[in-house]
């Protein structure tokens, strides 16, 4: 199932800064896995794949904005999230917000490329 074209870029590079639009934990068939930890892992795997396409990795991420559909998922979200990043950790903001599709998490990142 292919998603309809939406009016935004998935990734933009401006100088040495790379911006990624919000990412969901979509599987190849367009569904999301069950549970916040599985969705967080899938979301971060998709972010890592997009960064790889830009010649970057999660270690280049300097900032994350994370949206959780339910603040009760915060601890489980953190359990999965922390396995993807090492020091120096990116700065992060996490908020509870209703999402546009039936998902539990959406993450957007900013990464720094080498000059």
N, C-alpha and C. Protein backbone atom coordinates (compact mmCIF):
# COMPACT_ATOMS: atom_id res chain seq x y z
N UNK A 1 0.86 -1.18 0.00
CA UNK A 1 0.00 0.00 0.00
C UNK A 1 0.90 1.23 0.00
N UNK A 2 0.75 2.10 -0.98
CA UNK A 2 1.58 3.30 -1.01
C UNK A 2 0.79 4.47 -0.43
N UNK A 3 1.53 5.29 0.31
CA UNK A 3 0.90 6.45 0.94
C UNK A 3 0.68 7.54 -0.10
N UNK A 4 -0.38 8.33 0.07
CA UNK A 4 -0.59 9.43 -0.87
C UNK A 4 0.53 10.46 -0.71
N UNK A 5 0.82 11.19 -1.77
CA UNK A 5 1.84 12.24 -1.71
C UNK A 5 1.35 13.33 -0.75
N UNK A 6 2.20 13.70 0.18
CA UNK A 6 1.86 14.74 1.14
C UNK A 6 2.70 15.98 0.85
N UNK A 7 2.22 17.17 1.22
CA UNK A 7 2.90 18.41 0.85
C UNK A 7 4.07 18.78 1.76
N UNK A 8 5.06 17.89 1.86
CA UNK A 8 6.28 18.20 2.61
C UNK A 8 7.40 17.29 2.15
N UNK A 9 8.62 17.69 2.46
CA UNK A 9 9.79 16.88 2.15
C UNK A 9 10.07 15.94 3.31
N UNK A 10 10.51 14.73 3.01
CA UNK A 10 10.89 13.77 4.05
C UNK A 10 12.21 14.19 4.70
N UNK A 11 13.11 14.73 3.90
CA UNK A 11 14.42 15.15 4.39
C UNK A 11 14.88 16.37 3.61
N UNK A 12 15.53 17.31 4.31
CA UNK A 12 16.11 18.50 3.69
C UNK A 12 17.48 18.74 4.28
N UNK A 13 18.43 19.04 3.42
CA UNK A 13 19.78 19.40 3.86
C UNK A 13 19.98 20.87 3.55
N UNK A 14 20.38 21.63 4.57
CA UNK A 14 20.71 23.04 4.41
C UNK A 14 22.11 23.20 4.98
N UNK A 15 23.08 23.36 4.10
CA UNK A 15 24.47 23.41 4.55
C UNK A 15 24.85 22.08 5.18
N UNK A 16 25.28 22.11 6.42
CA UNK A 16 25.66 20.88 7.10
C UNK A 16 24.59 20.37 8.05
N UNK A 17 23.40 20.97 7.98
CA UNK A 17 22.30 20.56 8.85
C UNK A 17 21.28 19.76 8.03
N UNK A 18 20.87 18.61 8.57
CA UNK A 18 19.90 17.75 7.90
C UNK A 18 18.65 17.66 8.78
N UNK A 19 17.52 17.99 8.19
CA UNK A 19 16.23 17.99 8.88
C UNK A 19 15.38 16.84 8.36
N UNK A 20 14.83 16.05 9.27
CA UNK A 20 13.91 14.97 8.88
C UNK A 20 12.51 15.31 9.37
N UNK A 21 11.54 15.11 8.49
CA UNK A 21 10.15 15.28 8.89
C UNK A 21 9.78 14.21 9.91
N UNK A 22 8.67 14.40 10.57
CA UNK A 22 8.20 13.41 11.54
C UNK A 22 8.10 12.03 10.91
N UNK A 23 8.60 11.06 11.64
CA UNK A 23 8.61 9.66 11.17
C UNK A 23 7.75 8.83 12.08
N UNK A 24 7.03 7.89 11.47
CA UNK A 24 6.20 6.93 12.19
C UNK A 24 6.81 5.55 12.05
N UNK A 25 6.38 4.64 12.86
CA UNK A 25 6.90 3.28 12.81
C UNK A 25 6.18 2.40 11.82
N UNK A 26 5.98 2.88 10.62
CA UNK A 26 5.26 2.11 9.61
C UNK A 26 6.06 0.90 9.14
N UNK A 27 5.38 -0.20 8.99
CA UNK A 27 5.95 -1.40 8.39
C UNK A 27 5.78 -1.30 6.88
N UNK A 28 6.38 -2.23 6.14
CA UNK A 28 6.30 -2.21 4.68
C UNK A 28 4.87 -2.24 4.15
N UNK A 29 3.96 -2.86 4.91
CA UNK A 29 2.57 -2.95 4.46
C UNK A 29 1.72 -1.74 4.87
N UNK A 30 2.36 -0.72 5.49
CA UNK A 30 1.65 0.49 5.89
C UNK A 30 1.01 0.43 7.25
N UNK A 31 1.13 -0.70 7.95
CA UNK A 31 0.59 -0.81 9.30
C UNK A 31 1.69 -0.44 10.29
N UNK A 32 1.32 -0.32 11.55
CA UNK A 32 2.30 -0.09 12.61
C UNK A 32 2.30 -1.30 13.53
N UNK A 33 3.46 -1.65 14.09
CA UNK A 33 3.49 -2.78 15.02
C UNK A 33 2.73 -2.45 16.30
N UNK A 34 2.36 -3.47 17.03
CA UNK A 34 1.63 -3.27 18.28
C UNK A 34 2.60 -2.84 19.38
N UNK A 35 2.19 -1.87 20.17
CA UNK A 35 2.93 -1.48 21.36
C UNK A 35 3.93 -0.35 21.13
N UNK A 36 4.12 0.44 22.17
CA UNK A 36 4.98 1.62 22.08
C UNK A 36 6.45 1.25 21.85
N UNK A 37 6.95 0.20 22.50
CA UNK A 37 8.36 -0.15 22.30
C UNK A 37 8.63 -0.60 20.87
N UNK A 38 7.77 -1.43 20.31
CA UNK A 38 7.95 -1.88 18.92
C UNK A 38 7.81 -0.71 17.95
N UNK A 39 6.86 0.17 18.20
CA UNK A 39 6.70 1.33 17.31
C UNK A 39 7.89 2.28 17.43
N UNK A 40 8.42 2.45 18.63
CA UNK A 40 9.59 3.31 18.81
C UNK A 40 10.78 2.74 18.06
N UNK A 41 11.01 1.45 18.19
CA UNK A 41 12.13 0.82 17.48
C UNK A 41 11.96 0.93 15.96
N UNK A 42 10.77 0.68 15.47
CA UNK A 42 10.52 0.77 14.03
C UNK A 42 10.71 2.21 13.54
N UNK A 43 10.24 3.17 14.31
CA UNK A 43 10.40 4.57 13.95
C UNK A 43 11.87 4.94 13.87
N UNK A 44 12.64 4.55 14.88
CA UNK A 44 14.07 4.88 14.88
C UNK A 44 14.84 4.11 13.82
N UNK A 45 14.42 2.90 13.50
CA UNK A 45 15.03 2.17 12.39
C UNK A 45 14.79 2.90 11.07
N UNK A 46 13.59 3.42 10.89
CA UNK A 46 13.28 4.17 9.67
C UNK A 46 14.07 5.47 9.61
N UNK A 47 14.22 6.13 10.75
CA UNK A 47 15.03 7.35 10.80
C UNK A 47 16.48 7.02 10.45
N UNK A 48 17.00 5.94 11.02
CA UNK A 48 18.38 5.53 10.73
C UNK A 48 18.56 5.26 9.24
N UNK A 49 17.58 4.64 8.60
CA UNK A 49 17.66 4.35 7.17
C UNK A 49 17.66 5.64 6.35
N UNK A 50 16.84 6.60 6.72
CA UNK A 50 16.82 7.89 6.02
C UNK A 50 18.14 8.61 6.19
N UNK A 51 18.67 8.60 7.40
CA UNK A 51 19.97 9.24 7.66
C UNK A 51 21.07 8.56 6.84
N UNK A 52 21.03 7.24 6.76
CA UNK A 52 22.03 6.50 5.99
C UNK A 52 22.02 6.96 4.53
N UNK A 53 20.85 7.23 4.01
CA UNK A 53 20.73 7.73 2.65
C UNK A 53 21.36 9.09 2.46
N UNK A 54 21.54 9.80 3.55
CA UNK A 54 22.20 11.11 3.53
C UNK A 54 23.66 11.02 3.94
N UNK A 55 24.15 9.78 4.11
CA UNK A 55 25.54 9.59 4.53
C UNK A 55 25.76 9.84 6.01
N UNK A 56 24.70 9.73 6.80
CA UNK A 56 24.76 10.00 8.24
C UNK A 56 24.27 8.79 9.02
N UNK A 57 24.37 8.88 10.35
CA UNK A 57 23.86 7.83 11.23
C UNK A 57 23.20 8.48 12.43
N UNK A 58 22.66 7.67 13.30
CA UNK A 58 22.04 8.21 14.51
C UNK A 58 23.03 8.95 15.39
N UNK A 59 24.31 8.66 15.28
CA UNK A 59 25.31 9.39 16.07
C UNK A 59 25.45 10.83 15.62
N UNK A 60 24.92 11.18 14.45
CA UNK A 60 24.95 12.55 13.94
C UNK A 60 23.73 13.36 14.37
N UNK A 61 22.77 12.72 15.03
CA UNK A 61 21.55 13.41 15.47
C UNK A 61 21.88 14.31 16.65
N UNK A 62 21.48 15.59 16.53
CA UNK A 62 21.73 16.54 17.61
C UNK A 62 20.45 16.92 18.36
N UNK A 63 19.29 16.69 17.72
CA UNK A 63 18.03 17.07 18.35
C UNK A 63 16.90 16.14 17.90
N UNK A 64 16.06 15.74 18.86
CA UNK A 64 14.87 14.93 18.58
C UNK A 64 13.66 15.61 19.20
N UNK A 65 12.58 15.62 18.45
CA UNK A 65 11.29 16.02 19.01
C UNK A 65 10.40 14.79 18.89
N UNK A 66 9.87 14.36 20.03
CA UNK A 66 9.11 13.11 20.10
C UNK A 66 7.69 13.41 20.55
N UNK A 67 6.75 12.83 19.84
CA UNK A 67 5.34 13.00 20.12
C UNK A 67 4.76 11.65 20.53
N UNK A 68 4.20 11.58 21.72
CA UNK A 68 3.57 10.36 22.20
C UNK A 68 2.06 10.57 22.26
N UNK A 69 1.32 9.61 21.75
CA UNK A 69 -0.13 9.70 21.80
C UNK A 69 -0.65 9.59 23.23
N UNK A 70 0.13 8.93 24.11
CA UNK A 70 -0.31 8.72 25.49
C UNK A 70 0.89 8.87 26.42
N UNK A 71 0.84 9.83 27.33
CA UNK A 71 1.97 10.06 28.23
C UNK A 71 2.24 8.86 29.13
N UNK A 72 1.28 7.98 29.30
CA UNK A 72 1.50 6.77 30.10
C UNK A 72 2.55 5.85 29.45
N UNK A 73 2.83 6.06 28.16
CA UNK A 73 3.83 5.25 27.44
C UNK A 73 5.25 5.79 27.60
N UNK A 74 5.44 6.87 28.35
CA UNK A 74 6.73 7.54 28.43
C UNK A 74 7.86 6.61 28.89
N UNK A 75 7.66 5.84 29.93
CA UNK A 75 8.72 4.96 30.44
C UNK A 75 9.08 3.88 29.42
N UNK A 76 8.08 3.25 28.82
CA UNK A 76 8.34 2.21 27.83
C UNK A 76 8.99 2.80 26.58
N UNK A 77 8.57 3.99 26.18
CA UNK A 77 9.19 4.70 25.07
C UNK A 77 10.68 4.90 25.36
N UNK A 78 10.99 5.41 26.55
CA UNK A 78 12.39 5.65 26.92
C UNK A 78 13.20 4.36 26.93
N UNK A 79 12.61 3.27 27.35
CA UNK A 79 13.32 1.99 27.39
C UNK A 79 13.82 1.61 25.99
N UNK A 80 13.00 1.81 24.98
CA UNK A 80 13.41 1.51 23.60
C UNK A 80 14.32 2.59 23.05
N UNK A 81 13.97 3.84 23.25
CA UNK A 81 14.70 4.99 22.71
C UNK A 81 16.17 4.97 23.14
N UNK A 82 16.42 4.71 24.42
CA UNK A 82 17.79 4.83 24.94
C UNK A 82 18.75 3.81 24.33
N UNK A 83 18.24 2.75 23.73
CA UNK A 83 19.12 1.75 23.13
C UNK A 83 19.66 2.20 21.77
N UNK A 84 19.16 3.30 21.23
CA UNK A 84 19.55 3.78 19.90
C UNK A 84 20.60 4.88 19.93
N UNK A 85 20.84 5.49 21.07
CA UNK A 85 21.74 6.64 21.12
C UNK A 85 22.82 6.44 22.17
N UNK A 86 24.01 6.97 21.88
CA UNK A 86 25.14 6.94 22.80
C UNK A 86 25.56 8.38 23.08
N UNK A 87 26.42 8.56 24.05
CA UNK A 87 26.93 9.89 24.38
C UNK A 87 27.79 10.42 23.24
N UNK A 88 27.68 11.68 22.91
CA UNK A 88 26.77 12.65 23.52
C UNK A 88 25.35 12.47 22.99
N UNK A 89 24.42 12.37 23.91
CA UNK A 89 23.02 12.17 23.54
C UNK A 89 22.47 13.42 22.85
N UNK A 90 21.54 13.24 21.91
CA UNK A 90 20.89 14.41 21.33
C UNK A 90 20.03 15.12 22.36
N UNK A 91 19.83 16.41 22.19
CA UNK A 91 18.84 17.10 23.01
C UNK A 91 17.48 16.57 22.59
N UNK A 92 16.51 16.66 23.47
CA UNK A 92 15.21 16.06 23.16
C UNK A 92 14.08 16.79 23.84
N UNK A 93 12.98 16.90 23.14
CA UNK A 93 11.72 17.35 23.70
C UNK A 93 10.70 16.25 23.44
N UNK A 94 9.94 15.89 24.46
CA UNK A 94 8.90 14.87 24.31
C UNK A 94 7.59 15.45 24.82
N UNK A 95 6.57 15.36 24.00
CA UNK A 95 5.26 15.88 24.37
C UNK A 95 4.18 14.85 24.09
N UNK A 96 3.08 14.98 24.80
CA UNK A 96 1.90 14.17 24.50
C UNK A 96 1.06 14.94 23.50
N UNK A 97 0.70 14.27 22.41
CA UNK A 97 -0.09 14.94 21.38
C UNK A 97 -0.87 13.90 20.58
N UNK A 98 -2.08 14.25 20.17
CA UNK A 98 -2.81 13.34 19.28
C UNK A 98 -2.07 13.29 17.94
N UNK A 99 -1.93 12.12 17.36
CA UNK A 99 -1.22 11.96 16.09
C UNK A 99 -2.23 11.87 14.95
N UNK A 100 -1.77 12.13 13.75
CA UNK A 100 -2.65 12.19 12.58
C UNK A 100 -3.12 10.82 12.10
N UNK A 101 -2.39 9.76 12.49
CA UNK A 101 -2.85 8.41 12.17
C UNK A 101 -2.88 7.62 13.46
N UNK A 102 -3.34 6.40 13.39
CA UNK A 102 -3.46 5.57 14.58
C UNK A 102 -2.09 4.97 14.94
N UNK A 103 -1.21 5.83 15.45
CA UNK A 103 0.12 5.41 15.88
C UNK A 103 0.33 5.93 17.30
N UNK A 104 1.33 5.38 17.98
CA UNK A 104 1.61 5.77 19.36
C UNK A 104 2.75 6.76 19.48
N UNK A 105 3.61 6.85 18.43
CA UNK A 105 4.79 7.72 18.52
C UNK A 105 5.13 8.28 17.13
N UNK A 106 5.61 9.50 17.13
CA UNK A 106 6.17 10.14 15.94
C UNK A 106 7.41 10.89 16.39
N UNK A 107 8.48 10.79 15.61
CA UNK A 107 9.75 11.43 15.99
C UNK A 107 10.28 12.20 14.80
N UNK A 108 10.75 13.39 15.04
CA UNK A 108 11.46 14.18 14.04
C UNK A 108 12.85 14.48 14.57
N UNK A 109 13.84 14.55 13.67
CA UNK A 109 15.21 14.78 14.12
C UNK A 109 15.90 15.84 13.27
N UNK A 110 16.93 16.42 13.87
CA UNK A 110 17.87 17.29 13.18
C UNK A 110 19.24 16.68 13.38
N UNK A 111 19.99 16.56 12.30
CA UNK A 111 21.32 15.96 12.36
C UNK A 111 22.35 16.93 11.79
N UNK A 112 23.57 16.78 12.23
CA UNK A 112 24.68 17.61 11.76
C UNK A 112 25.62 16.78 10.91
N UNK A 113 25.79 17.20 9.67
CA UNK A 113 26.73 16.54 8.76
C UNK A 113 28.09 17.23 8.89
N UNK A 114 29.14 16.52 8.54
CA UNK A 114 30.48 17.11 8.53
C UNK A 114 30.54 18.16 7.44
N UNK A 115 31.32 19.18 7.70
CA UNK A 115 31.46 20.28 6.71
C UNK A 115 32.26 19.80 5.51
